[in-house]
Amino acid sequence: MLPIRDHNPSERTPYVTYALIAINIVIFAWQYGVLTNVSASNQFLIDYAFWPVLFETGEGYTGMFTHMFLHGGFMHLAGNMLFLWIFGDNMEEEFGHIPFLMFYIASGLAAAYLQYLPNTSSQIPMVGASGAIAGVMGGYLLLFPKARVDIFFFFVIFFRIFSLPSFIVLGVWMALQVFNGLGSDLNGGGTAYWAHVGGFIAGLVITIPIWLRRGATKYWDRTHGHPPHPETHYPTSNVPLVRRNR
């Protein structure tokens, strides 16, 4: 299941969200378009990825921040930017531009630290904005649990687009991160599941004061769990079925 959009795009221009997407794309283009030399590309990762083994020895603090702007490939970048585009605008509207940027960075730092804790001597570098974006998703879940999110579902040759409330989409996503994190080897590479968990929890916790100022559960009652502006109605989301001529 792949989220492709929500039904409540913000009414204000999300300048920070757009800027974060642009920065990630530019850095990715630099990493894979300009640094064509293998040794230069590797050195770029050594300098700017987050390395738990270096952090353990009191080094690598820079990577706690810079890892949020590096990606391991085009699909890694595209997936992260899609999630940021879907969920970032409403969160930026609620926080304000600069507070949202601070919230985003704090979530990314928390994500890196939770990825570090299970295996502090890991020599596997961590890159990607997904921990920070998981924080955006955690905050979104708290503020807008019933916002409709369109999901592209595909299974072999069957595919369909349909809407689900965000608490199902984000709740299932979070459960998968925990499940996969528990099932992964502590030394294993690939996806940084605990970074996702750490960022998600951090984002949800940081959003609690805003939720309380809005009235907590009364805010949900007023907005019905949606962002506080009119819902956008898209054309039918179902992908038409093509029937075989007989």
Protein backbone atom coordinates (compact mmCIF):
# COMPACT_ATOMS: atom_id res chain seq x y z
CA MET A 1 0.00 0.00 0.00
CA LEU A 2 1.42 3.37 -1.02
CA PRO A 3 -0.09 6.69 0.16
CA ILE A 4 -0.33 9.11 -2.76
CA ARG A 5 -2.20 12.14 -1.32
CA ASP A 6 -4.48 13.32 1.45
CA HIS A 7 -7.79 15.14 1.04
CA ASN A 8 -6.90 18.23 3.08
CA PRO A 9 -4.01 20.09 1.45
CA SER A 10 -3.04 23.17 3.46
CA GLU A 11 -4.50 26.56 2.66
CA ARG A 12 -1.15 28.30 3.18
CA THR A 13 1.95 27.76 1.08
CA PRO A 14 4.23 25.27 2.93
CA TYR A 15 7.50 27.04 2.17
CA VAL A 16 9.59 24.92 4.56
CA THR A 17 8.20 21.64 3.22
CA TYR A 18 8.97 22.73 -0.34
CA ALA A 19 12.44 23.91 0.70
CA LEU A 20 13.22 20.60 2.42
CA ILE A 21 12.13 18.67 -0.69
CA ALA A 22 14.27 20.92 -2.90
CA ILE A 23 17.34 20.61 -0.64
CA ASN A 24 17.08 16.82 -0.59
CA ILE A 25 16.79 16.69 -4.38
CA VAL A 26 19.75 19.04 -4.91
CA ILE A 27 21.99 17.10 -2.54
CA PHE A 28 20.98 13.82 -4.18
CA ALA A 29 21.79 15.28 -7.60
CA TRP A 30 25.17 16.42 -6.30
CA GLN A 31 25.94 13.06 -4.71
CA TYR A 32 25.05 10.95 -7.74
CA GLY A 33 25.49 13.43 -10.59
CA VAL A 34 28.61 15.39 -9.68
CA LEU A 35 30.53 12.96 -7.48
CA THR A 36 30.93 10.34 -10.19
CA ASN A 37 34.25 9.16 -8.79
CA VAL A 38 33.65 6.18 -6.48
CA SER A 39 36.19 7.28 -3.89
CA ALA A 40 34.72 10.79 -3.78
CA SER A 41 31.20 9.42 -3.37
CA ASN A 42 32.35 7.10 -0.58
CA GLN A 43 34.13 9.94 1.16
CA PHE A 44 30.93 11.97 0.96
CA LEU A 45 29.13 9.23 2.90
CA ILE A 46 31.97 8.92 5.41
CA ASP A 47 31.81 12.65 6.07
CA TYR A 48 28.04 13.17 6.22
CA ALA A 49 26.24 9.89 7.02
CA PHE A 50 25.48 8.98 10.62
CA TRP A 51 27.91 6.34 11.89
CA PRO A 52 26.95 4.83 15.29
CA VAL A 53 30.50 3.56 15.87
CA LEU A 54 31.88 7.09 15.49
CA PHE A 55 29.16 8.60 17.63
CA GLU A 56 30.00 6.12 20.39
CA THR A 57 33.59 7.39 20.50
CA GLY A 58 32.54 11.02 20.67
CA GLU A 59 32.85 11.74 16.97
CA GLY A 60 30.39 11.91 14.12
CA TYR A 61 28.06 14.45 15.72
CA THR A 62 27.69 16.22 12.40
CA GLY A 63 26.18 13.08 10.89
CA MET A 64 23.32 13.22 13.39
CA PHE A 65 22.08 16.19 11.38
CA THR A 66 23.44 15.76 7.87
CA HIS A 67 22.21 12.17 7.44
CA MET A 68 18.68 13.58 7.04
CA PHE A 69 19.61 15.00 3.63
CA LEU A 70 21.34 11.96 2.11
CA HIS A 71 19.68 9.07 0.29
CA GLY A 72 20.82 5.68 -0.92
CA GLY A 73 19.11 5.77 -4.32
CA PHE A 74 16.39 7.37 -6.40
CA MET A 75 13.52 5.27 -5.02
CA HIS A 76 14.69 5.99 -1.47
CA LEU A 77 14.57 9.71 -2.23
CA ALA A 78 11.27 9.55 -4.15
CA GLY A 79 9.46 7.61 -1.42
CA ASN A 80 10.61 9.95 1.33
CA MET A 81 9.75 13.09 -0.60
CA LEU A 82 6.30 11.73 -1.43
CA PHE A 83 5.55 11.16 2.26
CA LEU A 84 6.89 14.61 3.17
CA TRP A 85 4.75 16.22 0.46
CA ILE A 86 1.60 14.41 1.64
CA PHE A 87 1.91 15.01 5.37
CA GLY A 88 4.24 17.99 5.72
CA ASP A 89 2.01 20.84 4.52
CA ASN A 90 -0.70 20.43 7.17
CA MET A 91 1.85 20.06 9.95
CA GLU A 92 3.69 23.18 8.79
CA GLU A 93 0.39 25.06 8.77
CA GLU A 94 -0.28 24.06 12.38
CA PHE A 95 3.25 24.70 13.69
CA GLY A 96 4.25 27.73 11.63
CA HIS A 97 7.22 27.79 9.28
CA ILE A 98 10.23 28.06 11.63
CA PRO A 99 8.76 25.94 14.46
CA PHE A 100 7.97 23.25 11.88
CA LEU A 101 11.58 23.25 10.71
CA MET A 102 12.77 22.85 14.32
CA PHE A 103 10.21 20.08 14.83
CA TYR A 104 11.43 18.29 11.70
CA ILE A 105 15.09 18.47 12.77
CA ALA A 106 14.30 17.35 16.33
CA SER A 107 12.43 14.33 14.99
CA GLY A 108 15.40 13.44 12.76
CA LEU A 109 17.83 13.70 15.68
CA ALA A 110 15.60 11.48 17.83
CA ALA A 111 15.38 8.97 14.99
CA ALA A 112 19.14 8.74 14.66
CA TYR A 113 19.57 8.31 18.41
CA LEU A 114 17.07 5.47 18.67
CA GLN A 115 18.74 3.74 15.73
CA TYR A 116 22.04 4.13 17.60
CA LEU A 117 20.89 2.74 20.95
CA PRO A 118 20.31 -0.96 20.08
CA ASN A 119 23.83 -1.37 18.65
CA THR A 120 26.11 1.50 19.58
CA SER A 121 29.14 -0.04 17.88
CA SER A 122 27.45 -0.58 14.50
CA GLN A 123 29.67 0.23 11.54
CA ILE A 124 26.70 0.57 9.16
CA PRO A 125 26.05 4.18 8.11
CA MET A 126 22.56 5.62 8.32
CA VAL A 127 21.22 7.96 5.64
CA GLY A 128 17.79 9.26 4.72
CA ALA A 129 15.10 11.72 5.71
CA SER A 130 12.68 8.97 6.73
CA GLY A 131 13.27 9.37 10.47
CA ALA A 132 12.46 13.07 10.38
CA ILE A 133 9.49 12.44 8.08
CA ALA A 134 8.28 9.73 10.47
CA GLY A 135 8.10 12.50 13.07
CA VAL A 136 5.85 14.49 10.72
CA MET A 137 3.67 11.41 10.37
CA GLY A 138 3.48 10.91 14.14
CA GLY A 139 2.34 14.49 14.65
CA TYR A 140 -0.14 14.18 11.79
CA LEU A 141 -1.66 11.10 13.40
CA LEU A 142 -2.25 12.96 16.66
CA LEU A 143 -3.76 16.08 15.11
CA PHE A 144 -5.68 14.56 12.20
CA PRO A 145 -6.51 10.92 12.97
CA LYS A 146 -9.46 10.79 10.57
CA ALA A 147 -8.05 12.76 7.65
CA ARG A 148 -8.63 10.79 4.48
CA VAL A 149 -5.54 9.50 2.70
CA ASP A 150 -5.68 7.98 -0.76
CA ILE A 151 -3.83 4.68 -0.99
CA PHE A 152 -2.56 2.99 -4.12
CA PHE A 153 -2.96 -0.72 -3.46
CA PHE A 154 -1.41 -3.27 -5.76
CA PHE A 155 -1.03 -7.02 -5.61
CA VAL A 156 0.47 -8.77 -8.64
CA ILE A 157 -1.96 -7.65 -11.40
CA PHE A 158 -4.69 -6.19 -9.17
CA PHE A 159 -4.45 -2.49 -8.38
CA ARG A 160 -6.86 0.04 -7.00
CA ILE A 161 -6.86 3.50 -5.37
CA PHE A 162 -9.06 4.03 -2.34
CA SER A 163 -9.31 6.24 0.75
CA LEU A 164 -8.60 5.32 4.35
CA PRO A 165 -8.52 7.40 7.53
CA SER A 166 -5.00 8.37 8.53
CA PHE A 167 -5.10 6.46 11.81
CA ILE A 168 -5.32 3.23 9.82
CA VAL A 169 -2.66 4.20 7.26
CA LEU A 170 -0.18 5.54 9.81
CA GLY A 171 -1.05 3.00 12.49
CA VAL A 172 -0.37 0.09 10.13
CA TRP A 173 2.83 1.77 8.94
CA MET A 174 4.07 2.20 12.52
CA ALA A 175 3.16 -1.38 13.46
CA LEU A 176 5.17 -2.63 10.48
CA GLN A 177 8.21 -0.64 11.58
CA VAL A 178 8.09 -2.15 15.06
CA PHE A 179 7.48 -5.66 13.71
CA ASN A 180 10.31 -5.42 11.19
CA GLY A 181 12.60 -3.81 13.74
CA LEU A 182 12.06 -6.64 16.20
CA GLY A 183 12.64 -9.18 13.46
CA SER A 184 15.79 -7.61 12.07
CA ASP A 185 19.30 -8.42 13.14
CA LEU A 186 20.83 -5.68 15.27
CA ASN A 187 23.82 -5.59 12.97
CA GLY A 188 21.70 -5.74 9.83
CA GLY A 189 21.76 -3.07 7.19
CA GLY A 190 18.97 -2.06 4.87
CA THR A 191 16.06 -0.17 6.39
CA ALA A 192 16.59 1.72 9.68
CA TYR A 193 13.34 0.59 11.28
CA TRP A 194 14.17 1.86 14.76
CA ALA A 195 14.94 5.28 13.33
CA HIS A 196 11.41 5.30 11.93
CA VAL A 197 10.00 4.31 15.32
CA GLY A 198 12.09 6.90 17.14
CA GLY A 199 11.15 9.70 14.77
CA PHE A 200 7.45 8.77 14.85
CA ILE A 201 7.31 8.74 18.65
CA ALA A 202 9.30 11.97 18.91
CA GLY A 203 7.02 13.72 16.44
CA LEU A 204 3.90 12.60 18.25
CA VAL A 205 5.28 13.69 21.65
CA ILE A 206 6.47 17.08 20.38
CA THR A 207 3.01 17.70 18.90
CA ILE A 208 1.19 17.04 22.18
CA PRO A 209 1.47 20.67 23.45
CA ILE A 210 -0.11 21.98 20.23
CA TRP A 211 -2.85 19.38 20.45
CA LEU A 212 -3.53 20.38 24.07
CA ARG A 213 -3.62 24.09 23.20
CA ARG A 214 -6.15 23.32 20.46
CA GLY A 215 -8.38 21.66 23.07
CA ALA A 216 -7.17 18.01 22.96
CA THR A 217 -10.15 15.75 22.29
CA LYS A 218 -12.39 18.82 21.88
CA TYR A 219 -10.24 19.75 18.91
CA TRP A 220 -11.04 16.38 17.37
CA ASP A 221 -14.74 17.02 18.05
CA ARG A 222 -14.62 20.40 16.31
CA THR A 223 -12.69 19.19 13.27
CA HIS A 224 -13.94 15.58 13.23
CA GLY A 225 -10.30 14.51 13.22
CA HIS A 226 -9.54 16.38 9.97
CA PRO A 227 -7.40 19.44 9.27
CA PRO A 228 -9.48 22.55 10.09
CA HIS A 229 -10.39 23.60 6.56
CA PRO A 230 -12.64 22.24 3.82
CA GLU A 231 -11.88 18.86 2.37
CA THR A 232 -10.82 18.60 -1.25
CA HIS A 233 -12.94 16.30 -3.39
CA TYR A 234 -11.00 14.54 -6.10
CA PRO A 235 -12.44 12.72 -9.11
CA THR A 236 -13.25 9.08 -8.55
CA SER A 237 -10.20 7.29 -7.19
CA ASN A 238 -10.95 3.86 -8.57
CA VAL A 239 -8.78 2.65 -11.42
CA PRO A 240 -11.13 1.38 -14.15
CA LEU A 241 -11.04 -2.29 -14.89
CA VAL A 242 -10.36 -3.30 -18.49
CA ARG A 243 -12.41 -6.33 -19.42
CA ARG A 244 -11.19 -8.85 -21.98
CA ASN A 245 -13.23 -9.13 -25.16
CA ARG A 246 -14.69 -12.56 -25.70
